Protein backbone atom coordinates (compact mmCIF):
# COMPACT_ATOMS: atom_id res chain seq x y z
CA MET A 1 111.28 102.33 79.96
CA ARG A 2 111.39 105.86 81.33
CA TYR A 3 111.60 106.77 84.99
CA TYR A 4 109.87 109.68 86.70
CA GLY A 5 109.23 110.60 90.30
CA ILE A 6 108.44 113.15 92.94
CA ILE A 7 111.18 114.64 95.10
CA GLY A 8 110.40 116.22 98.46
CA HIS A 9 110.00 115.69 102.19
CA PRO A 10 107.55 114.35 103.06
CA VAL A 11 106.14 112.78 99.87
CA ASP A 12 103.64 110.24 101.19
CA HIS A 13 100.85 112.83 101.03
CA SER A 14 101.32 113.58 97.34
CA MET A 15 98.79 112.47 94.72
CA SER A 16 101.47 112.49 92.02
CA ALA A 17 102.54 108.85 92.26
CA ASP A 18 98.97 107.52 92.08
CA TYR A 19 98.04 109.96 89.31
CA PHE A 20 100.96 109.22 87.00
CA THR A 21 101.00 105.47 87.67
CA ARG A 22 97.35 105.31 86.62
CA PHE A 23 97.95 107.70 83.71
CA PHE A 24 100.80 105.56 82.35
CA ALA A 25 98.74 102.36 82.67
CA ASP A 26 95.63 103.86 81.06
CA ASN A 27 97.61 105.21 78.10
CA GLY A 28 99.92 102.25 77.54
CA ILE A 29 103.02 104.30 78.37
CA GLU A 30 106.12 102.34 79.39
CA ALA A 31 107.15 104.40 82.37
CA VAL A 32 107.55 104.12 86.12
CA TYR A 33 106.81 106.82 88.72
CA GLN A 34 108.39 106.67 92.17
CA ARG A 35 108.49 108.66 95.40
CA PHE A 36 111.85 110.04 96.54
CA ASP A 37 111.78 111.21 100.14
CA VAL A 38 114.73 113.60 100.32
CA PRO A 39 114.95 115.32 103.71
CA GLU A 40 118.20 117.22 103.07
CA THR A 41 118.93 119.63 100.24
CA SER A 42 122.45 118.18 100.07
CA GLN A 43 120.91 114.94 98.75
CA LEU A 44 119.12 116.53 95.81
CA GLU A 45 121.91 116.40 93.26
CA ALA A 46 122.52 112.68 93.82
CA VAL A 47 118.86 111.86 93.14
CA ILE A 48 118.53 114.17 90.14
CA ARG A 49 121.82 113.72 88.31
CA HIS A 50 123.04 110.28 89.27
CA GLY A 51 119.88 108.21 88.99
CA GLN A 52 117.79 107.22 85.97
CA LEU A 53 115.16 109.92 86.12
CA ALA A 54 113.97 111.47 82.88
CA GLY A 55 111.80 113.92 84.78
CA ALA A 56 110.59 114.76 88.25
CA ASN A 57 108.08 116.77 90.20
CA VAL A 58 109.55 118.80 93.06
CA THR A 59 107.56 119.57 96.19
CA ILE A 60 108.24 121.11 99.61
CA PRO A 61 110.75 121.96 100.88
CA HIS A 62 112.91 121.93 97.73
CA LYS A 63 111.14 124.10 95.12
CA ILE A 64 113.47 127.04 95.66
CA HIS A 65 116.76 125.32 96.48
CA VAL A 66 116.53 122.98 93.47
CA MET A 67 117.12 126.02 91.26
CA ASN A 68 120.78 125.80 92.28
CA ILE A 69 121.03 122.38 90.59
CA VAL A 70 119.15 123.19 87.39
CA ASP A 71 121.26 123.96 84.31
CA THR A 72 118.60 126.02 82.52
CA LEU A 73 115.38 127.63 83.73
CA SER A 74 112.26 128.44 81.76
CA ASP A 75 111.51 132.17 81.70
CA GLU A 76 108.46 131.64 83.91
CA ALA A 77 110.34 129.59 86.51
CA ARG A 78 113.05 132.23 86.64
CA GLU A 79 110.56 135.04 87.20
CA ILE A 80 108.62 133.05 89.80
CA GLY A 81 111.76 132.02 91.66
CA ALA A 82 110.68 128.40 92.13
CA VAL A 83 110.73 125.11 90.22
CA ASN A 84 108.27 122.24 90.55
CA VAL A 85 109.08 120.30 87.36
CA LEU A 86 112.39 118.95 86.11
CA LYS A 87 113.12 117.59 82.64
CA ILE A 88 116.37 115.63 82.66
CA LEU A 89 118.15 115.07 79.36
CA ARG A 90 120.67 112.22 79.36
CA GLU A 91 122.99 111.54 76.44
CA GLY A 92 125.75 109.24 77.60
CA ASP A 93 127.67 111.06 80.31
CA ASP A 94 126.13 114.40 79.33
CA ILE A 95 123.30 115.36 81.69
CA ARG A 96 121.25 118.57 81.42
CA VAL A 97 118.58 119.47 83.95
CA LEU A 98 115.84 121.87 82.82
CA GLY A 99 113.60 123.59 85.36
CA PHE A 100 109.97 124.60 84.86
CA ASN A 101 107.03 125.82 86.92
CA THR A 102 103.54 124.45 86.26
CA ASP A 103 102.13 125.46 89.67
CA ALA A 104 101.41 128.99 88.49
CA LEU A 105 99.50 127.81 85.43
CA GLY A 106 97.56 125.26 87.48
CA PHE A 107 96.54 127.80 90.09
CA ARG A 108 95.75 130.57 87.60
CA ASP A 109 93.48 128.41 85.45
CA SER A 110 91.77 126.99 88.53
CA ILE A 111 90.99 130.23 90.34
CA ALA A 112 90.25 132.49 87.33
CA PRO A 113 86.67 131.30 86.69
CA ARG A 114 85.88 131.57 90.41
CA LEU A 115 87.01 135.14 91.02
CA GLY A 116 83.87 137.00 90.09
CA ALA A 117 84.32 140.68 91.00
CA ARG A 118 86.89 139.95 93.70
CA ARG A 119 90.17 141.79 93.11
CA LYS A 120 92.11 141.79 96.40
CA ALA A 121 93.74 138.81 98.10
CA LEU A 122 95.60 137.79 101.22
CA LEU A 123 98.30 135.25 100.42
CA PHE A 124 99.61 133.18 103.32
CA GLY A 125 103.10 131.75 102.81
CA THR A 126 106.44 132.65 101.26
CA GLY A 127 107.71 129.30 99.92
CA GLY A 128 107.85 127.95 96.39
CA GLY A 129 104.11 127.33 96.15
CA ALA A 130 103.36 130.84 97.38
CA LYS A 131 105.73 132.33 94.81
CA ALA A 132 103.85 130.55 92.01
CA VAL A 133 100.52 131.77 93.39
CA ALA A 134 101.81 135.34 93.60
CA TYR A 135 102.95 135.19 89.99
CA ALA A 136 99.55 133.87 88.89
CA LEU A 137 97.69 136.58 90.82
CA LYS A 138 99.88 139.20 89.15
CA THR A 139 99.03 137.88 85.68
CA LEU A 140 95.33 138.00 86.60
CA GLY A 141 95.55 141.60 87.78
CA ILE A 142 94.73 140.69 91.39
CA GLU A 143 96.18 142.92 94.10
CA TYR A 144 97.61 140.77 96.89
CA THR A 145 99.23 141.13 100.29
CA ILE A 146 101.57 138.46 101.62
CA VAL A 147 101.05 137.38 105.23
CA SER A 148 104.06 135.80 106.92
CA ARG A 149 105.33 134.78 110.36
CA THR A 150 108.49 136.72 109.56
CA PRO A 151 107.31 139.51 107.26
CA GLN A 152 109.68 141.40 105.00
CA GLN A 153 109.09 144.81 103.49
CA GLY A 154 105.67 145.02 101.87
CA GLN A 155 104.34 142.03 103.82
CA ILE A 156 102.33 141.86 107.03
CA ALA A 157 102.50 139.62 110.09
CA TYR A 158 99.72 137.32 111.26
CA GLN A 159 99.18 139.42 114.39
CA GLU A 160 98.50 142.47 112.22
CA LEU A 161 95.40 140.89 110.67
CA THR A 162 92.19 142.63 111.62
CA GLU A 163 88.53 142.17 110.76
CA ASP A 164 88.76 145.21 108.48
CA ILE A 165 91.68 143.70 106.54
CA ILE A 166 89.80 140.41 106.13
CA ALA A 167 86.70 142.30 105.00
CA ASP A 168 88.73 144.27 102.45
CA ASN A 169 90.35 141.18 100.93
CA LEU A 170 87.72 138.82 99.60
CA ILE A 171 90.23 136.21 98.40
CA ILE A 172 92.04 134.19 101.09
CA ILE A 173 94.77 131.82 99.87
CA ASN A 174 96.68 129.34 101.98
CA ALA A 175 100.02 128.48 100.39
CA THR A 176 101.60 127.18 103.60
CA PRO A 177 101.77 123.45 104.48
CA LEU A 178 99.46 123.96 107.48
CA GLY A 179 96.63 121.43 107.15
CA MET A 180 98.53 119.04 104.86
CA ALA A 181 98.40 115.32 105.60
CA GLY A 182 101.31 114.25 107.78
CA GLN A 183 103.02 116.45 110.33
CA TRP A 184 100.83 119.49 109.54
CA GLU A 185 97.49 117.67 109.46
CA GLY A 186 94.75 119.23 111.56
CA LYS A 187 96.52 122.59 111.72
CA SER A 188 95.46 125.86 110.15
CA ILE A 189 96.65 129.39 109.54
CA ASP A 190 95.76 131.67 112.44
CA ILE A 191 93.33 134.27 111.17
CA PRO A 192 90.12 135.87 112.52
CA LEU A 193 87.76 133.35 110.95
CA HIS A 194 84.66 135.13 112.27
CA ALA A 195 85.40 137.95 109.80
CA ILE A 196 85.05 135.59 106.82
CA GLY A 197 81.64 135.50 105.17
CA LYS A 198 79.72 134.38 102.11
CA GLN A 199 81.40 137.08 100.05
CA HIS A 200 84.81 135.43 100.47
CA LEU A 201 86.63 132.91 98.29
CA VAL A 202 88.97 130.75 100.36
CA TYR A 203 91.47 128.73 98.33
CA ASP A 204 93.78 126.18 99.96
CA ILE A 205 96.40 124.87 97.54
CA ILE A 206 96.79 121.70 99.64
CA HIS A 207 95.27 118.69 97.87
CA THR A 208 95.58 116.07 100.63
CA PRO A 209 93.30 116.05 102.53
CA LYS A 210 90.65 117.35 100.16
CA MET A 211 89.03 119.35 102.97
CA THR A 212 91.51 121.11 105.26
CA PRO A 213 90.64 122.69 108.63
CA LEU A 214 90.79 126.15 107.01
CA MET A 215 88.32 125.08 104.35
CA LEU A 216 85.98 123.46 106.89
CA ASN A 217 85.95 126.54 109.10
CA ALA A 218 85.51 128.94 106.19
CA LYS A 219 82.67 126.85 104.77
CA GLN A 220 80.89 127.04 108.11
CA GLN A 221 81.10 130.82 107.78
CA GLY A 222 79.41 130.61 104.38
CA ALA A 223 82.48 131.24 102.24
CA GLN A 224 83.11 129.60 98.87
CA VAL A 225 85.98 127.15 99.42
CA VAL A 226 88.30 125.46 96.93
CA GLY A 227 90.95 122.82 97.60
CA GLY A 228 94.13 122.10 95.70
CA THR A 229 92.95 119.06 93.72
CA ASP A 230 91.87 121.10 90.69
CA MET A 231 95.19 122.97 90.69
CA PHE A 232 97.05 119.67 91.01
CA LEU A 233 95.30 118.10 88.03
CA ARG A 234 95.92 121.11 85.82
CA GLN A 235 99.60 121.34 86.68
CA ALA A 236 100.01 117.56 86.26
CA GLU A 237 98.63 117.76 82.71
CA ALA A 238 101.06 120.59 81.94
CA THR A 239 103.89 118.56 83.48
CA TRP A 240 103.30 115.61 81.15
CA LYS A 241 103.33 117.91 78.12
CA ILE A 242 106.82 119.03 79.17
CA TRP A 243 108.08 115.49 79.77
CA ASN A 244 106.53 114.11 76.60
CA ASN A 245 107.95 116.79 74.30
CA ASP A 246 111.24 115.34 73.10
CA ASN A 247 111.97 118.51 71.15
CA LEU A 248 111.63 120.80 74.16
CA LYS A 249 114.99 122.31 75.02
CA LEU A 250 115.74 125.57 76.75
């Protein structure tokens, strides 16, 4: 029996437990998938190193901090600066934790066929999910501007958004937790929605609920909207390939 799980806070919203529990049952795989609600970063090492986990998904707010616990990073995870998948190798008392990022792949393969001629994006958020999205946009040759509540050099603040900026960036991506089931449910990024039109693609990487307030409002404006379920499924498939490859070592 192998043990897997999702580590984050909160974790009740995540589709991962249902997805992998069903996947294991459908494919006759002897494995268990659990939720680990870990509110403090100081608790991460105990869950990862001192339990029975052979692998784990990592979600907010730990995708960046968990890099401090990982022994070896994949090249992609290192360049992105965030980890959402752990592979944990246990041989007696010897424990090695490998860190990967499948978010970027999931997002890239999901948005690519929907881009059309659009080549400029506004990316809302600066956390681990946003870092993966930024990496994916770079690989696709999409110019992007990060929008943040506390902008650093090269970023812009929410209050700087204008109709002209929205009109010039036909891809709008929410990589913040605003709108997610739980404490952020019903909330949305603060942007001039009236400037969004049918020419826009609005992508919300949140997968629960399937239709966030941002998506609902953008759809009413005629925009093409995409939720995070497709991204989730793609990154989950890539996650299992990592876990199921016994020869994979970094």
